[in-house]
ModelCIF file with pLDDT and N, C-alpha, C, O atoms, coordinates in Angstrom:
data_MODEL
#
_entry.id   MODEL 
#
_entity.id                         1 
_entity.type                       polymer 
_entity.pdbx_number_of_molecules   1 
#
_entity_poly.entity_id                      1 
_entity_poly.type                           'polypeptide(L)' 
_entity_poly.nstd_linkage                   no 
_entity_poly.nstd_monomer                   no 
_entity_poly.pdbx_seq_one_letter_code       
;(UNK)(UNK)(UNK)(UNK)(UNK)(UNK)(UNK)(UNK)(UNK)(UNK)(UNK)(UNK)(UNK)(UNK)(UNK)(UNK)
(UNK)(UNK)(UNK)(UNK)(UNK)(UNK)(UNK)(UNK)(UNK)(UNK)(UNK)(UNK)(UNK)(UNK)(UNK)(UNK)
(UNK)(UNK)(UNK)(UNK)(UNK)(UNK)(UNK)(UNK)(UNK)(UNK)(UNK)(UNK)(UNK)(UNK)(UNK)
;
_entity_poly.pdbx_seq_one_letter_code_can   XXXXXXXXXXXXXXXXXXXXXXXXXXXXXXXXXXXXXXXXXXXXXXX 
_entity_poly.pdbx_strand_id                 A 
#
loop_
_entity_poly_seq.entity_id 
_entity_poly_seq.num 
_entity_poly_seq.mon_id 
_entity_poly_seq.hetero 
1 1  UNK n 
1 2  UNK n 
1 3  UNK n 
1 4  UNK n 
1 5  UNK n 
1 6  UNK n 
1 7  UNK n 
1 8  UNK n 
1 9  UNK n 
1 10 UNK n 
1 11 UNK n 
1 12 UNK n 
1 13 UNK n 
1 14 UNK n 
1 15 UNK n 
1 16 UNK n 
1 17 UNK n 
1 18 UNK n 
1 19 UNK n 
1 20 UNK n 
1 21 UNK n 
1 22 UNK n 
1 23 UNK n 
1 24 UNK n 
1 25 UNK n 
1 26 UNK n 
1 27 UNK n 
1 28 UNK n 
1 29 UNK n 
1 30 UNK n 
1 31 UNK n 
1 32 UNK n 
1 33 UNK n 
1 34 UNK n 
1 35 UNK n 
1 36 UNK n 
1 37 UNK n 
1 38 UNK n 
1 39 UNK n 
1 40 UNK n 
1 41 UNK n 
1 42 UNK n 
1 43 UNK n 
1 44 UNK n 
1 45 UNK n 
1 46 UNK n 
1 47 UNK n 
#
_struct_asym.id          A 
_struct_asym.entity_id   1 
#
loop_
_ma_qa_metric.id 
_ma_qa_metric.mode 
_ma_qa_metric.name 
_ma_qa_metric.software_group_id 
_ma_qa_metric.type 
1 global pLDDT . pLDDT 
2 local  pLDDT . pLDDT 
#
_ma_qa_metric_global.metric_id      1 
_ma_qa_metric_global.metric_value   88.00 
_ma_qa_metric_global.model_id       1 
_ma_qa_metric_global.ordinal_id     1 
#
loop_
_ma_qa_metric_local.label_asym_id 
_ma_qa_metric_local.label_comp_id 
_ma_qa_metric_local.label_seq_id 
_ma_qa_metric_local.metric_id 
_ma_qa_metric_local.metric_value 
_ma_qa_metric_local.model_id 
_ma_qa_metric_local.ordinal_id 
A UNK 1  2 59.00 1 1  
A UNK 2  2 63.00 1 2  
A UNK 3  2 64.00 1 3  
A UNK 4  2 73.00 1 4  
A UNK 5  2 84.00 1 5  
A UNK 6  2 87.00 1 6  
A UNK 7  2 89.00 1 7  
A UNK 8  2 88.00 1 8  
A UNK 9  2 88.00 1 9  
A UNK 10 2 90.00 1 10 
A UNK 11 2 91.00 1 11 
A UNK 12 2 89.00 1 12 
A UNK 13 2 91.00 1 13 
A UNK 14 2 92.00 1 14 
A UNK 15 2 90.00 1 15 
A UNK 16 2 89.00 1 16 
A UNK 17 2 86.00 1 17 
A UNK 18 2 87.00 1 18 
A UNK 19 2 90.00 1 19 
A UNK 20 2 90.00 1 20 
A UNK 21 2 90.00 1 21 
A UNK 22 2 92.00 1 22 
A UNK 23 2 93.00 1 23 
A UNK 24 2 93.00 1 24 
A UNK 25 2 92.00 1 25 
A UNK 26 2 92.00 1 26 
A UNK 27 2 92.00 1 27 
A UNK 28 2 90.00 1 28 
A UNK 29 2 85.00 1 29 
A UNK 30 2 88.00 1 30 
A UNK 31 2 86.00 1 31 
A UNK 32 2 87.00 1 32 
A UNK 33 2 88.00 1 33 
A UNK 34 2 92.00 1 34 
A UNK 35 2 93.00 1 35 
A UNK 36 2 94.00 1 36 
A UNK 37 2 95.00 1 37 
A UNK 38 2 94.00 1 38 
A UNK 39 2 94.00 1 39 
A UNK 40 2 93.00 1 40 
A UNK 41 2 92.00 1 41 
A UNK 42 2 90.00 1 42 
A UNK 43 2 89.00 1 43 
A UNK 44 2 90.00 1 44 
A UNK 45 2 90.00 1 45 
A UNK 46 2 91.00 1 46 
A UNK 47 2 91.00 1 47 
#
loop_
_atom_site.group_PDB 
_atom_site.id 
_atom_site.type_symbol 
_atom_site.label_atom_id 
_atom_site.label_alt_id 
_atom_site.label_comp_id 
_atom_site.label_asym_id 
_atom_site.label_entity_id 
_atom_site.label_seq_id 
_atom_site.pdbx_PDB_ins_code 
_atom_site.Cartn_x 
_atom_site.Cartn_y 
_atom_site.Cartn_z 
_atom_site.occupancy 
_atom_site.B_iso_or_equiv 
_atom_site.pdbx_formal_charge 
_atom_site.auth_seq_id 
_atom_site.auth_comp_id 
_atom_site.auth_asym_id 
_atom_site.auth_atom_id 
_atom_site.pdbx_PDB_model_num 
ATOM 1   N N  . UNK A 1 1  ? 3.108   -5.163 1.772   1.00 59.00 ? 1  UNK A N  1 
ATOM 2   C CA . UNK A 1 1  ? 4.517   -4.866 1.545   1.00 59.00 ? 1  UNK A CA 1 
ATOM 3   C C  . UNK A 1 1  ? 4.915   -3.711 2.445   1.00 59.00 ? 1  UNK A C  1 
ATOM 4   O O  . UNK A 1 1  ? 4.073   -2.917 2.862   1.00 59.00 ? 1  UNK A O  1 
ATOM 5   N N  . UNK A 1 2  ? 6.213   -3.622 2.743   1.00 63.00 ? 2  UNK A N  1 
ATOM 6   C CA . UNK A 1 2  ? 6.705   -2.546 3.590   1.00 63.00 ? 2  UNK A CA 1 
ATOM 7   C C  . UNK A 1 2  ? 7.676   -1.671 2.812   1.00 63.00 ? 2  UNK A C  1 
ATOM 8   O O  . UNK A 1 2  ? 8.373   -2.146 1.915   1.00 63.00 ? 2  UNK A O  1 
ATOM 9   N N  . UNK A 1 3  ? 7.716   -0.390 3.163   1.00 64.00 ? 3  UNK A N  1 
ATOM 10  C CA . UNK A 1 3  ? 8.659   0.547  2.563   1.00 64.00 ? 3  UNK A CA 1 
ATOM 11  C C  . UNK A 1 3  ? 9.336   1.357  3.637   1.00 64.00 ? 3  UNK A C  1 
ATOM 12  O O  . UNK A 1 3  ? 8.845   1.436  4.763   1.00 64.00 ? 3  UNK A O  1 
ATOM 13  N N  . UNK A 1 4  ? 10.474  1.969  3.301   1.00 73.00 ? 4  UNK A N  1 
ATOM 14  C CA . UNK A 1 4  ? 11.257  2.697  4.297   1.00 73.00 ? 4  UNK A CA 1 
ATOM 15  C C  . UNK A 1 4  ? 10.798  4.138  4.464   1.00 73.00 ? 4  UNK A C  1 
ATOM 16  O O  . UNK A 1 4  ? 11.095  4.757  5.486   1.00 73.00 ? 4  UNK A O  1 
ATOM 17  N N  . UNK A 1 5  ? 10.076  4.693  3.483   1.00 84.00 ? 5  UNK A N  1 
ATOM 18  C CA . UNK A 1 5  ? 9.608   6.072  3.571   1.00 84.00 ? 5  UNK A CA 1 
ATOM 19  C C  . UNK A 1 5  ? 8.316   6.223  2.797   1.00 84.00 ? 5  UNK A C  1 
ATOM 20  O O  . UNK A 1 5  ? 7.998   5.405  1.934   1.00 84.00 ? 5  UNK A O  1 
ATOM 21  N N  . UNK A 1 6  ? 7.565   7.285  3.110   1.00 87.00 ? 6  UNK A N  1 
ATOM 22  C CA . UNK A 1 6  ? 6.326   7.530  2.383   1.00 87.00 ? 6  UNK A CA 1 
ATOM 23  C C  . UNK A 1 6  ? 6.592   7.797  0.908   1.00 87.00 ? 6  UNK A C  1 
ATOM 24  O O  . UNK A 1 6  ? 5.804   7.402  0.048   1.00 87.00 ? 6  UNK A O  1 
ATOM 25  N N  . UNK A 1 7  ? 7.717   8.474  0.613   1.00 89.00 ? 7  UNK A N  1 
ATOM 26  C CA . UNK A 1 7  ? 8.060   8.759  -0.784  1.00 89.00 ? 7  UNK A CA 1 
ATOM 27  C C  . UNK A 1 7  ? 8.272   7.455  -1.556  1.00 89.00 ? 7  UNK A C  1 
ATOM 28  O O  . UNK A 1 7  ? 7.782   7.302  -2.675  1.00 89.00 ? 7  UNK A O  1 
ATOM 29  N N  . UNK A 1 8  ? 9.010   6.514  -0.944  1.00 88.00 ? 8  UNK A N  1 
ATOM 30  C CA . UNK A 1 8  ? 9.242   5.226  -1.603  1.00 88.00 ? 8  UNK A CA 1 
ATOM 31  C C  . UNK A 1 8  ? 7.932   4.492  -1.831  1.00 88.00 ? 8  UNK A C  1 
ATOM 32  O O  . UNK A 1 8  ? 7.700   3.938  -2.905  1.00 88.00 ? 8  UNK A O  1 
ATOM 33  N N  . UNK A 1 9  ? 7.078   4.490  -0.816  1.00 88.00 ? 9  UNK A N  1 
ATOM 34  C CA . UNK A 1 9  ? 5.808   3.775  -0.921  1.00 88.00 ? 9  UNK A CA 1 
ATOM 35  C C  . UNK A 1 9  ? 4.923   4.370  -2.017  1.00 88.00 ? 9  UNK A C  1 
ATOM 36  O O  . UNK A 1 9  ? 4.315   3.629  -2.788  1.00 88.00 ? 9  UNK A O  1 
ATOM 37  N N  . UNK A 1 10 ? 4.847   5.709  -2.092  1.00 90.00 ? 10 UNK A N  1 
ATOM 38  C CA . UNK A 1 10 ? 3.988   6.312  -3.119  1.00 90.00 ? 10 UNK A CA 1 
ATOM 39  C C  . UNK A 1 10 ? 4.526   6.040  -4.518  1.00 90.00 ? 10 UNK A C  1 
ATOM 40  O O  . UNK A 1 10 ? 3.743   5.928  -5.462  1.00 90.00 ? 10 UNK A O  1 
ATOM 41  N N  . UNK A 1 11 ? 5.844   5.931  -4.675  1.00 91.00 ? 11 UNK A N  1 
ATOM 42  C CA . UNK A 1 11 ? 6.401   5.533  -5.973  1.00 91.00 ? 11 UNK A CA 1 
ATOM 43  C C  . UNK A 1 11 ? 5.972   4.102  -6.319  1.00 91.00 ? 11 UNK A C  1 
ATOM 44  O O  . UNK A 1 11 ? 5.653   3.803  -7.470  1.00 91.00 ? 11 UNK A O  1 
ATOM 45  N N  . UNK A 1 12 ? 5.968   3.226  -5.312  1.00 89.00 ? 12 UNK A N  1 
ATOM 46  C CA . UNK A 1 12 ? 5.527   1.844  -5.533  1.00 89.00 ? 12 UNK A CA 1 
ATOM 47  C C  . UNK A 1 12 ? 4.044   1.799  -5.898  1.00 89.00 ? 12 UNK A C  1 
ATOM 48  O O  . UNK A 1 12 ? 3.630   1.015  -6.751  1.00 89.00 ? 12 UNK A O  1 
ATOM 49  N N  . UNK A 1 13 ? 3.254   2.644  -5.246  1.00 91.00 ? 13 UNK A N  1 
ATOM 50  C CA . UNK A 1 13 ? 1.827   2.726  -5.574  1.00 91.00 ? 13 UNK A CA 1 
ATOM 51  C C  . UNK A 1 13 ? 1.653   3.184  -7.019  1.00 91.00 ? 13 UNK A C  1 
ATOM 52  O O  . UNK A 1 13 ? 0.874   2.600  -7.772  1.00 91.00 ? 13 UNK A O  1 
ATOM 53  N N  . UNK A 1 14 ? 2.385   4.235  -7.402  1.00 92.00 ? 14 UNK A N  1 
ATOM 54  C CA . UNK A 1 14 ? 2.275   4.759  -8.767  1.00 92.00 ? 14 UNK A CA 1 
ATOM 55  C C  . UNK A 1 14 ? 2.612   3.698  -9.809  1.00 92.00 ? 14 UNK A C  1 
ATOM 56  O O  . UNK A 1 14 ? 2.055   3.694  -10.907 1.00 92.00 ? 14 UNK A O  1 
ATOM 57  N N  . UNK A 1 15 ? 3.534   2.795  -9.452  1.00 90.00 ? 15 UNK A N  1 
ATOM 58  C CA . UNK A 1 15 ? 3.938   1.754  -10.403 1.00 90.00 ? 15 UNK A CA 1 
ATOM 59  C C  . UNK A 1 15 ? 2.956   0.587  -10.446 1.00 90.00 ? 15 UNK A C  1 
ATOM 60  O O  . UNK A 1 15 ? 3.113   -0.338 -11.242 1.00 90.00 ? 15 UNK A O  1 
ATOM 61  N N  . UNK A 1 16 ? 1.934   0.640  -9.574  1.00 89.00 ? 16 UNK A N  1 
ATOM 62  C CA . UNK A 1 16 ? 0.905   -0.386 -9.621  1.00 89.00 ? 16 UNK A CA 1 
ATOM 63  C C  . UNK A 1 16 ? 1.050   -1.510 -8.621  1.00 89.00 ? 16 UNK A C  1 
ATOM 64  O O  . UNK A 1 16 ? 0.396   -2.543 -8.764  1.00 89.00 ? 16 UNK A O  1 
ATOM 65  N N  . UNK A 1 17 ? 1.893   -1.340 -7.608  1.00 86.00 ? 17 UNK A N  1 
ATOM 66  C CA . UNK A 1 17 ? 2.129   -2.395 -6.625  1.00 86.00 ? 17 UNK A CA 1 
ATOM 67  C C  . UNK A 1 17 ? 0.965   -2.585 -5.656  1.00 86.00 ? 17 UNK A C  1 
ATOM 68  O O  . UNK A 1 17 ? 0.809   -3.666 -5.088  1.00 86.00 ? 17 UNK A O  1 
ATOM 69  N N  . UNK A 1 18 ? 0.152   -1.558 -5.460  1.00 87.00 ? 18 UNK A N  1 
ATOM 70  C CA . UNK A 1 18 ? -0.946  -1.653 -4.506  1.00 87.00 ? 18 UNK A CA 1 
ATOM 71  C C  . UNK A 1 18 ? -1.436  -0.266 -4.138  1.00 87.00 ? 18 UNK A C  1 
ATOM 72  O O  . UNK A 1 18 ? -1.265  0.684  -4.902  1.00 87.00 ? 18 UNK A O  1 
ATOM 73  N N  . UNK A 1 19 ? -2.047  -0.152 -2.965  1.00 90.00 ? 19 UNK A N  1 
ATOM 74  C CA . UNK A 1 19 ? -2.531  1.141  -2.467  1.00 90.00 ? 19 UNK A CA 1 
ATOM 75  C C  . UNK A 1 19 ? -1.889  1.398  -1.109  1.00 90.00 ? 19 UNK A C  1 
ATOM 76  O O  . UNK A 1 19 ? -1.294  0.499  -0.515  1.00 90.00 ? 19 UNK A O  1 
ATOM 77  N N  . UNK A 1 20 ? -2.012  2.630  -0.624  1.00 90.00 ? 20 UNK A N  1 
ATOM 78  C CA . UNK A 1 20 ? -1.491  2.954  0.699   1.00 90.00 ? 20 UNK A CA 1 
ATOM 79  C C  . UNK A 1 20 ? -2.321  4.071  1.309   1.00 90.00 ? 20 UNK A C  1 
ATOM 80  O O  . UNK A 1 20 ? -3.210  4.629  0.666   1.00 90.00 ? 20 UNK A O  1 
ATOM 81  N N  . UNK A 1 21 ? -2.014  4.386  2.559   1.00 90.00 ? 21 UNK A N  1 
ATOM 82  C CA . UNK A 1 21 ? -2.641  5.491  3.270   1.00 90.00 ? 21 UNK A CA 1 
ATOM 83  C C  . UNK A 1 21 ? -1.543  6.475  3.655   1.00 90.00 ? 21 UNK A C  1 
ATOM 84  O O  . UNK A 1 21 ? -0.499  6.070  4.166   1.00 90.00 ? 21 UNK A O  1 
ATOM 85  N N  . UNK A 1 22 ? -1.772  7.768  3.413   1.00 92.00 ? 22 UNK A N  1 
ATOM 86  C CA . UNK A 1 22 ? -0.765  8.795  3.685   1.00 92.00 ? 22 UNK A CA 1 
ATOM 87  C C  . UNK A 1 22 ? -1.388  9.912  4.512   1.00 92.00 ? 22 UNK A C  1 
ATOM 88  O O  . UNK A 1 22 ? -2.608  10.080 4.496   1.00 92.00 ? 22 UNK A O  1 
ATOM 89  N N  . UNK A 1 23 ? -0.564  10.687 5.244   1.00 93.00 ? 23 UNK A N  1 
ATOM 90  C CA . UNK A 1 23 ? -1.085  11.856 5.957   1.00 93.00 ? 23 UNK A CA 1 
ATOM 91  C C  . UNK A 1 23 ? -1.417  12.978 4.969   1.00 93.00 ? 23 UNK A C  1 
ATOM 92  O O  . UNK A 1 23 ? -0.781  13.101 3.921   1.00 93.00 ? 23 UNK A O  1 
ATOM 93  N N  . UNK A 1 24 ? -2.408  13.785 5.310   1.00 93.00 ? 24 UNK A N  1 
ATOM 94  C CA . UNK A 1 24 ? -2.906  14.803 4.399   1.00 93.00 ? 24 UNK A CA 1 
ATOM 95  C C  . UNK A 1 24 ? -1.863  15.779 3.888   1.00 93.00 ? 24 UNK A C  1 
ATOM 96  O O  . UNK A 1 24 ? -1.903  16.157 2.717   1.00 93.00 ? 24 UNK A O  1 
ATOM 97  N N  . UNK A 1 25 ? -0.925  16.199 4.738   1.00 92.00 ? 25 UNK A N  1 
ATOM 98  C CA . UNK A 1 25 ? 0.068   17.187 4.313   1.00 92.00 ? 25 UNK A CA 1 
ATOM 99  C C  . UNK A 1 25 ? 1.033   16.646 3.268   1.00 92.00 ? 25 UNK A C  1 
ATOM 100 O O  . UNK A 1 25 ? 1.709   17.423 2.593   1.00 92.00 ? 25 UNK A O  1 
ATOM 101 N N  . UNK A 1 26 ? 1.108   15.318 3.122   1.00 92.00 ? 26 UNK A N  1 
ATOM 102 C CA . UNK A 1 26 ? 2.027   14.738 2.154   1.00 92.00 ? 26 UNK A CA 1 
ATOM 103 C C  . UNK A 1 26 ? 1.456   14.724 0.742   1.00 92.00 ? 26 UNK A C  1 
ATOM 104 O O  . UNK A 1 26 ? 2.167   14.403 -0.210  1.00 92.00 ? 26 UNK A O  1 
ATOM 105 N N  . UNK A 1 27 ? 0.179   15.070 0.596   1.00 92.00 ? 27 UNK A N  1 
ATOM 106 C CA . UNK A 1 27 ? -0.452  15.059 -0.726  1.00 92.00 ? 27 UNK A CA 1 
ATOM 107 C C  . UNK A 1 27 ? 0.063   16.242 -1.539  1.00 92.00 ? 27 UNK A C  1 
ATOM 108 O O  . UNK A 1 27 ? -0.068  17.385 -1.099  1.00 92.00 ? 27 UNK A O  1 
ATOM 109 N N  . UNK A 1 28 ? 0.649   15.998 -2.722  1.00 90.00 ? 28 UNK A N  1 
ATOM 110 C CA . UNK A 1 28 ? 1.196   17.098 -3.534  1.00 90.00 ? 28 UNK A CA 1 
ATOM 111 C C  . UNK A 1 28 ? 0.102   18.063 -3.976  1.00 90.00 ? 28 UNK A C  1 
ATOM 112 O O  . UNK A 1 28 ? -1.042  17.669 -4.202  1.00 90.00 ? 28 UNK A O  1 
ATOM 113 N N  . UNK A 1 29 ? 0.474   19.334 -4.094  1.00 85.00 ? 29 UNK A N  1 
ATOM 114 C CA . UNK A 1 29 ? -0.486  20.343 -4.532  1.00 85.00 ? 29 UNK A CA 1 
ATOM 115 C C  . UNK A 1 29 ? -0.840  20.163 -6.002  1.00 85.00 ? 29 UNK A C  1 
ATOM 116 O O  . UNK A 1 29 ? -1.971  20.430 -6.409  1.00 85.00 ? 29 UNK A O  1 
ATOM 117 N N  . UNK A 1 30 ? 0.131   19.708 -6.803  1.00 88.00 ? 30 UNK A N  1 
ATOM 118 C CA . UNK A 1 30 ? -0.093  19.516 -8.232  1.00 88.00 ? 30 UNK A CA 1 
ATOM 119 C C  . UNK A 1 30 ? -0.592  18.099 -8.519  1.00 88.00 ? 30 UNK A C  1 
ATOM 120 O O  . UNK A 1 30 ? -0.170  17.154 -7.852  1.00 88.00 ? 30 UNK A O  1 
ATOM 121 N N  . UNK A 1 31 ? -1.484  17.935 -9.504  1.00 86.00 ? 31 UNK A N  1 
ATOM 122 C CA . UNK A 1 31 ? -1.948  16.590 -9.884  1.00 86.00 ? 31 UNK A CA 1 
ATOM 123 C C  . UNK A 1 31 ? -0.788  15.708 -10.331 1.00 86.00 ? 31 UNK A C  1 
ATOM 124 O O  . UNK A 1 31 ? 0.148   16.185 -10.973 1.00 86.00 ? 31 UNK A O  1 
ATOM 125 N N  . UNK A 1 32 ? -0.850  14.424 -9.993  1.00 87.00 ? 32 UNK A N  1 
ATOM 126 C CA . UNK A 1 32 ? 0.198   13.472 -10.338 1.00 87.00 ? 32 UNK A CA 1 
ATOM 127 C C  . UNK A 1 32 ? -0.252  12.613 -11.516 1.00 87.00 ? 32 UNK A C  1 
ATOM 128 O O  . UNK A 1 32 ? -1.410  12.199 -11.582 1.00 87.00 ? 32 UNK A O  1 
ATOM 129 N N  . UNK A 1 33 ? 0.658   12.347 -12.439 1.00 88.00 ? 33 UNK A N  1 
ATOM 130 C CA . UNK A 1 33 ? 0.307   11.619 -13.659 1.00 88.00 ? 33 UNK A CA 1 
ATOM 131 C C  . UNK A 1 33 ? -0.166  10.198 -13.370 1.00 88.00 ? 33 UNK A C  1 
ATOM 132 O O  . UNK A 1 33 ? -1.181  9.753  -13.904 1.00 88.00 ? 33 UNK A O  1 
ATOM 133 N N  . UNK A 1 34 ? 0.577   9.489  -12.521 1.00 92.00 ? 34 UNK A N  1 
ATOM 134 C CA . UNK A 1 34 ? 0.307   8.060  -12.307 1.00 92.00 ? 34 UNK A CA 1 
ATOM 135 C C  . UNK A 1 34 ? -0.282  7.758  -10.929 1.00 92.00 ? 34 UNK A C  1 
ATOM 136 O O  . UNK A 1 34 ? -0.376  6.594  -10.537 1.00 92.00 ? 34 UNK A O  1 
ATOM 137 N N  . UNK A 1 35 ? -0.675  8.787  -10.200 1.00 93.00 ? 35 UNK A N  1 
ATOM 138 C CA . UNK A 1 35 ? -1.086  8.597  -8.810  1.00 93.00 ? 35 UNK A CA 1 
ATOM 139 C C  . UNK A 1 35 ? -2.338  9.415  -8.539  1.00 93.00 ? 35 UNK A C  1 
ATOM 140 O O  . UNK A 1 35 ? -2.486  10.532 -9.033  1.00 93.00 ? 35 UNK A O  1 
ATOM 141 N N  . UNK A 1 36 ? -3.233  8.843  -7.748  1.00 94.00 ? 36 UNK A N  1 
ATOM 142 C CA . UNK A 1 36 ? -4.427  9.575  -7.347  1.00 94.00 ? 36 UNK A CA 1 
ATOM 143 C C  . UNK A 1 36 ? -4.572  9.509  -5.829  1.00 94.00 ? 36 UNK A C  1 
ATOM 144 O O  . UNK A 1 36 ? -4.260  8.493  -5.209  1.00 94.00 ? 36 UNK A O  1 
ATOM 145 N N  . UNK A 1 37 ? -5.052  10.614 -5.237  1.00 95.00 ? 37 UNK A N  1 
ATOM 146 C CA . UNK A 1 37 ? -5.270  10.687 -3.792  1.00 95.00 ? 37 UNK A CA 1 
ATOM 147 C C  . UNK A 1 37 ? -6.774  10.857 -3.563  1.00 95.00 ? 37 UNK A C  1 
ATOM 148 O O  . UNK A 1 37 ? -7.384  11.800 -4.066  1.00 95.00 ? 37 UNK A O  1 
ATOM 149 N N  . UNK A 1 38 ? -7.365  9.930  -2.794  1.00 94.00 ? 38 UNK A N  1 
ATOM 150 C CA . UNK A 1 38 ? -8.812  9.902  -2.595  1.00 94.00 ? 38 UNK A CA 1 
ATOM 151 C C  . UNK A 1 38 ? -9.123  10.032 -1.109  1.00 94.00 ? 38 UNK A C  1 
ATOM 152 O O  . UNK A 1 38 ? -8.534  9.317  -0.298  1.00 94.00 ? 38 UNK A O  1 
ATOM 153 N N  . UNK A 1 39 ? -10.037 10.930 -0.732  1.00 94.00 ? 39 UNK A N  1 
ATOM 154 C CA . UNK A 1 39 ? -10.388 11.075 0.689   1.00 94.00 ? 39 UNK A CA 1 
ATOM 155 C C  . UNK A 1 39 ? -11.087 9.831  1.223   1.00 94.00 ? 39 UNK A C  1 
ATOM 156 O O  . UNK A 1 39 ? -11.683 9.061  0.470   1.00 94.00 ? 39 UNK A O  1 
ATOM 157 N N  . UNK A 1 40 ? -11.000 9.651  2.545   1.00 93.00 ? 40 UNK A N  1 
ATOM 158 C CA . UNK A 1 40 ? -11.779 8.617  3.224   1.00 93.00 ? 40 UNK A CA 1 
ATOM 159 C C  . UNK A 1 40 ? -13.223 9.087  3.362   1.00 93.00 ? 40 UNK A C  1 
ATOM 160 O O  . UNK A 1 40 ? -13.495 10.279 3.499   1.00 93.00 ? 40 UNK A O  1 
ATOM 161 N N  . UNK A 1 41 ? -14.134 8.132  3.323   1.00 92.00 ? 41 UNK A N  1 
ATOM 162 C CA . UNK A 1 41 ? -15.521 8.424  3.692   1.00 92.00 ? 41 UNK A CA 1 
ATOM 163 C C  . UNK A 1 41 ? -15.598 8.586  5.209   1.00 92.00 ? 41 UNK A C  1 
ATOM 164 O O  . UNK A 1 41 ? -14.768 8.042  5.938   1.00 92.00 ? 41 UNK A O  1 
ATOM 165 N N  . UNK A 1 42 ? -16.588 9.331  5.677   1.00 90.00 ? 42 UNK A N  1 
ATOM 166 C CA . UNK A 1 42 ? -16.748 9.527  7.121   1.00 90.00 ? 42 UNK A CA 1 
ATOM 167 C C  . UNK A 1 42 ? -17.045 8.184  7.805   1.00 90.00 ? 42 UNK A C  1 
ATOM 168 O O  . UNK A 1 42 ? -17.761 7.348  7.253   1.00 90.00 ? 42 UNK A O  1 
ATOM 169 N N  . UNK A 1 43 ? -16.491 7.981  9.010   1.00 89.00 ? 43 UNK A N  1 
ATOM 170 C CA . UNK A 1 43 ? -15.619 8.891  9.756   1.00 89.00 ? 43 UNK A CA 1 
ATOM 171 C C  . UNK A 1 43 ? -14.179 8.853  9.227   1.00 89.00 ? 43 UNK A C  1 
ATOM 172 O O  . UNK A 1 43 ? -13.590 7.785  9.059   1.00 89.00 ? 43 UNK A O  1 
ATOM 173 N N  . UNK A 1 44 ? -13.637 10.032 8.973   1.00 90.00 ? 44 UNK A N  1 
ATOM 174 C CA . UNK A 1 44 ? -12.298 10.121 8.390   1.00 90.00 ? 44 UNK A CA 1 
ATOM 175 C C  . UNK A 1 44 ? -11.246 9.910  9.485   1.00 90.00 ? 44 UNK A C  1 
ATOM 176 O O  . UNK A 1 44 ? -11.257 10.629 10.484  1.00 90.00 ? 44 UNK A O  1 
ATOM 177 N N  . UNK A 1 45 ? -10.338 8.940  9.321   1.00 90.00 ? 45 UNK A N  1 
ATOM 178 C CA . UNK A 1 45 ? -9.276  8.756  10.320  1.00 90.00 ? 45 UNK A CA 1 
ATOM 179 C C  . UNK A 1 45 ? -8.306  9.935  10.300  1.00 90.00 ? 45 UNK A C  1 
ATOM 180 O O  . UNK A 1 45 ? -8.002  10.477 9.237   1.00 90.00 ? 45 UNK A O  1 
ATOM 181 N N  . UNK A 1 46 ? -7.830  10.321 11.456  1.00 91.00 ? 46 UNK A N  1 
ATOM 182 C CA . UNK A 1 46 ? -6.898  11.450 11.573  1.00 91.00 ? 46 UNK A CA 1 
ATOM 183 C C  . UNK A 1 46 ? -5.830  11.120 12.611  1.00 91.00 ? 46 UNK A C  1 
ATOM 184 O O  . UNK A 1 46 ? -5.933  10.142 13.351  1.00 91.00 ? 46 UNK A O  1 
ATOM 185 N N  . UNK A 1 47 ? -4.817  11.955 12.642  1.00 91.00 ? 47 UNK A N  1 
ATOM 186 C CA . UNK A 1 47 ? -3.833  11.898 13.721  1.00 91.00 ? 47 UNK A CA 1 
ATOM 187 C C  . UNK A 1 47 ? -3.659  13.296 14.280  1.00 91.00 ? 47 UNK A C  1 
ATOM 188 O O  . UNK A 1 47 ? -2.874  13.497 15.206  1.00 91.00 ? 47 UNK A O  1 
#
């Protein structure tokens, strides 16, 4: 599925639509109730 912004996509993920990949700086500092952020195993992709 496609979304117009990372914020929209993460809301869709939280609702159970699927998973996504996000840049590290977009990860909220506070824990999210319905969302989890998991690191990649090495080699970790970067930009």
